[in-house]
Amino acid sequence: MPLNGSLEPIDDIATKIHFIRGQKVMLDSDLAKLYGVETKYLIKQVNRNSDRFPVDFMFSLDNKEVTRLRFQIGTSKGRGGRRNRPNAFTEQGVAMLSGVLRSKRAIQVNILIIRAFVQLRHMIATNDELARKLESLESKYDARFRVVFDAIRRLMAPPESERRRIGFDVLTPAEEE
């Protein structure tokens, strides 16, 4: 968050939205920074109002998800920091936070976060619409254009999350030659 206390642009907020368990979510620590409060305060308010946050609004990450996020966003595992697993808030959970955190800043931040979720949803819908148009075009043209359509599909496809191997490859004497 900027030092002057101003709100972050929607694009910056959108980078804090993660895709976990098939849902777009924001982590409690990122939300706390945006709201200008400590993470423990946000968690305390959520715990006091636990009936407002069913599982489809908020869930705790499991150890595998925490590890995956640690690699994805570069958080440390070392000393200090969190003692418990992060909570992930869905779009509905973020909207519910405005009722729990009652400040002008919380209201303004919630509006920006909801706009960021809507912007992401619009981008996904636009991509689906583009895929439908491509299918209709493909049915009209013959096999000569198949290469073009395949190339467009590869460009539209989300990048595959390929796990990079860590370490060295050991070559056998036959491979060295």
Protein backbone atom coordinates (compact mmCIF):
# COMPACT_ATOMS: atom_id res chain seq x y z
CA MET A 1 0.00 0.00 0.00
CA PRO A 2 1.34 3.46 -0.78
CA LEU A 3 2.83 5.34 2.14
CA ASN A 4 0.54 8.33 1.71
CA GLY A 5 -2.47 6.17 2.56
CA SER A 6 -4.10 6.54 -0.84
CA LEU A 7 -5.96 3.62 -2.32
CA GLU A 8 -4.31 1.27 -4.79
CA PRO A 9 -5.44 1.19 -8.42
CA ILE A 10 -7.73 -1.66 -9.50
CA ASP A 11 -4.91 -3.25 -11.53
CA ASP A 12 -2.75 -3.50 -8.40
CA ILE A 13 -5.63 -5.03 -6.47
CA ALA A 14 -6.26 -7.52 -9.28
CA THR A 15 -2.71 -8.87 -8.83
CA LYS A 16 -3.66 -9.86 -5.27
CA ILE A 17 -6.51 -12.06 -6.48
CA HIS A 18 -5.47 -15.72 -6.56
CA PHE A 19 -7.14 -18.77 -8.05
CA ILE A 20 -7.44 -21.43 -5.31
CA ARG A 21 -9.83 -24.42 -5.19
CA GLY A 22 -11.41 -23.25 -8.41
CA GLN A 23 -12.33 -19.85 -6.97
CA LYS A 24 -10.97 -16.34 -7.22
CA VAL A 25 -9.92 -15.35 -3.69
CA MET A 26 -7.91 -12.78 -1.75
CA LEU A 27 -5.74 -13.60 1.25
CA ASP A 28 -6.42 -12.10 4.66
CA SER A 29 -2.96 -10.50 4.83
CA ASP A 30 -3.45 -8.70 1.50
CA LEU A 31 -6.90 -7.53 2.56
CA ALA A 32 -5.55 -6.27 5.89
CA LYS A 33 -2.91 -4.19 4.06
CA LEU A 34 -5.54 -2.73 1.76
CA TYR A 35 -7.83 -1.89 4.69
CA GLY A 36 -4.92 -0.37 6.60
CA VAL A 37 -5.26 -2.71 9.61
CA GLU A 38 -3.15 -5.50 11.07
CA THR A 39 -3.92 -9.03 9.89
CA LYS A 40 -4.61 -10.15 13.46
CA TYR A 41 -7.26 -7.41 13.82
CA LEU A 42 -8.98 -8.51 10.60
CA ILE A 43 -8.93 -12.16 11.73
CA LYS A 44 -10.27 -11.17 15.16
CA GLN A 45 -13.21 -9.32 13.58
CA VAL A 46 -13.94 -12.27 11.30
CA ASN A 47 -13.84 -14.69 14.24
CA ARG A 48 -16.20 -12.46 16.23
CA ASN A 49 -18.62 -12.56 13.30
CA SER A 50 -18.02 -16.16 12.19
CA ASP A 51 -21.69 -16.70 11.29
CA ARG A 52 -21.25 -14.14 8.48
CA PHE A 53 -18.47 -16.18 6.83
CA PRO A 54 -19.64 -19.63 5.72
CA VAL A 55 -17.22 -21.90 3.83
CA ASP A 56 -18.23 -20.49 0.44
CA PHE A 57 -17.27 -16.97 1.66
CA MET A 58 -14.00 -17.82 3.45
CA PHE A 59 -11.79 -20.86 4.02
CA SER A 60 -8.39 -21.63 5.53
CA LEU A 61 -5.69 -22.82 3.18
CA ASP A 62 -4.28 -26.29 3.72
CA ASN A 63 -0.52 -26.89 4.00
CA LYS A 64 -0.15 -27.84 0.32
CA GLU A 65 -1.88 -24.63 -0.78
CA VAL A 66 0.28 -22.55 1.57
CA THR A 67 3.42 -24.12 0.12
CA ARG A 68 2.23 -23.55 -3.45
CA LEU A 69 1.45 -19.90 -2.67
CA ARG A 70 4.79 -19.45 -0.97
CA PHE A 71 6.52 -20.43 -4.21
CA GLN A 72 4.10 -18.43 -6.35
CA ILE A 73 4.31 -15.11 -4.51
CA GLY A 74 7.65 -15.50 -2.77
CA THR A 75 6.76 -15.36 0.92
CA SER A 76 9.29 -16.57 3.43
CA LYS A 77 8.99 -19.66 5.58
CA GLY A 78 11.51 -18.56 8.15
CA ARG A 79 11.25 -16.87 11.53
CA GLY A 80 8.58 -14.34 12.32
CA GLY A 81 5.48 -13.89 10.23
CA ARG A 82 2.35 -15.94 10.60
CA ARG A 83 1.74 -18.64 13.15
CA ASN A 84 -1.45 -19.89 11.48
CA ARG A 85 -2.56 -20.72 7.96
CA PRO A 86 -3.92 -17.84 5.87
CA ASN A 87 -7.60 -17.41 5.22
CA ALA A 88 -8.86 -16.96 1.67
CA PHE A 89 -11.90 -14.76 1.04
CA THR A 90 -14.11 -15.20 -2.02
CA GLU A 91 -15.78 -12.21 -3.65
CA GLN A 92 -18.81 -12.67 -1.37
CA GLY A 93 -16.53 -12.89 1.68
CA VAL A 94 -14.82 -9.65 0.71
CA ALA A 95 -18.23 -7.99 0.36
CA MET A 96 -19.18 -9.28 3.83
CA LEU A 97 -16.03 -7.73 5.31
CA SER A 98 -17.46 -4.25 4.74
CA GLY A 99 -20.10 -5.03 7.36
CA VAL A 100 -17.49 -6.27 9.83
CA LEU A 101 -14.84 -3.58 9.33
CA ARG A 102 -16.79 -0.37 9.72
CA SER A 103 -14.69 2.49 8.46
CA LYS A 104 -14.79 4.83 5.47
CA ARG A 105 -11.59 3.29 4.18
CA ALA A 106 -13.08 -0.23 4.41
CA ILE A 107 -16.03 0.88 2.30
CA GLN A 108 -13.79 2.53 -0.32
CA VAL A 109 -11.46 -0.48 -0.47
CA ASN A 110 -14.41 -2.87 -0.79
CA ILE A 111 -15.74 -0.92 -3.75
CA LEU A 112 -12.34 -1.14 -5.47
CA ILE A 113 -11.97 -4.85 -4.72
CA ILE A 114 -15.44 -5.67 -6.04
CA ARG A 115 -14.62 -3.68 -9.20
CA ALA A 116 -11.41 -5.71 -9.60
CA PHE A 117 -13.37 -8.98 -9.31
CA VAL A 118 -15.90 -7.71 -11.87
CA GLN A 119 -13.08 -6.68 -14.21
CA LEU A 120 -11.56 -10.19 -14.01
CA ARG A 121 -14.96 -11.78 -14.62
CA HIS A 122 -15.43 -9.52 -17.68
CA MET A 123 -12.01 -10.51 -19.08
CA ILE A 124 -12.84 -14.21 -18.68
CA ALA A 125 -16.25 -13.72 -20.34
CA THR A 126 -14.62 -11.84 -23.22
CA ASN A 127 -12.21 -14.73 -23.74
CA ASP A 128 -15.13 -17.21 -23.81
CA GLU A 129 -16.94 -15.04 -26.35
CA LEU A 130 -13.82 -14.93 -28.50
CA ALA A 131 -13.59 -18.74 -28.36
CA ARG A 132 -17.21 -19.07 -29.55
CA LYS A 133 -16.60 -16.67 -32.46
CA LEU A 134 -13.48 -18.62 -33.42
CA GLU A 135 -15.47 -21.89 -33.45
CA SER A 136 -18.08 -20.40 -35.79
CA LEU A 137 -15.39 -19.07 -38.12
CA GLU A 138 -13.59 -22.38 -38.09
CA SER A 139 -16.71 -24.23 -39.20
CA LYS A 140 -17.06 -21.89 -42.21
CA TYR A 141 -13.52 -22.31 -43.56
CA ASP A 142 -11.74 -25.39 -44.82
CA ALA A 143 -8.68 -27.24 -43.54
CA ARG A 144 -6.20 -24.80 -45.12
CA PHE A 145 -6.89 -22.38 -42.30
CA ARG A 146 -6.64 -25.07 -39.59
CA VAL A 147 -3.04 -23.97 -38.81
CA VAL A 148 -4.16 -20.38 -38.25
CA PHE A 149 -7.02 -21.43 -35.97
CA ASP A 150 -4.75 -23.75 -33.98
CA ALA A 151 -2.23 -20.93 -33.50
CA ILE A 152 -4.97 -18.57 -32.29
CA ARG A 153 -6.22 -21.23 -29.83
CA ARG A 154 -2.71 -21.66 -28.40
CA LEU A 155 -2.47 -17.89 -27.89
CA MET A 156 -5.85 -17.83 -26.12
CA ALA A 157 -5.08 -20.75 -23.83
CA PRO A 158 -3.97 -19.90 -20.29
CA PRO A 159 -0.31 -20.67 -19.69
CA GLU A 160 0.29 -24.17 -18.41
CA SER A 161 1.75 -24.14 -14.93
CA GLU A 162 4.75 -26.31 -15.50
CA ARG A 163 6.76 -27.10 -12.41
CA ARG A 164 10.38 -26.21 -12.89
CA ARG A 165 12.81 -28.77 -11.66
CA ILE A 166 15.41 -27.62 -9.19
CA GLY A 167 18.94 -28.99 -9.39
CA PHE A 168 21.30 -30.29 -12.03
CA ASP A 169 20.79 -32.77 -14.84
CA VAL A 170 23.37 -35.54 -14.75
CA LEU A 171 24.43 -36.65 -18.19
CA THR A 172 25.45 -40.21 -18.89
CA PRO A 173 28.69 -40.72 -20.89
CA ALA A 174 26.63 -41.57 -23.99
CA GLU A 175 24.69 -38.26 -23.74
CA GLU A 176 27.84 -36.17 -23.35
CA GLU A 177 29.08 -37.13 -26.84
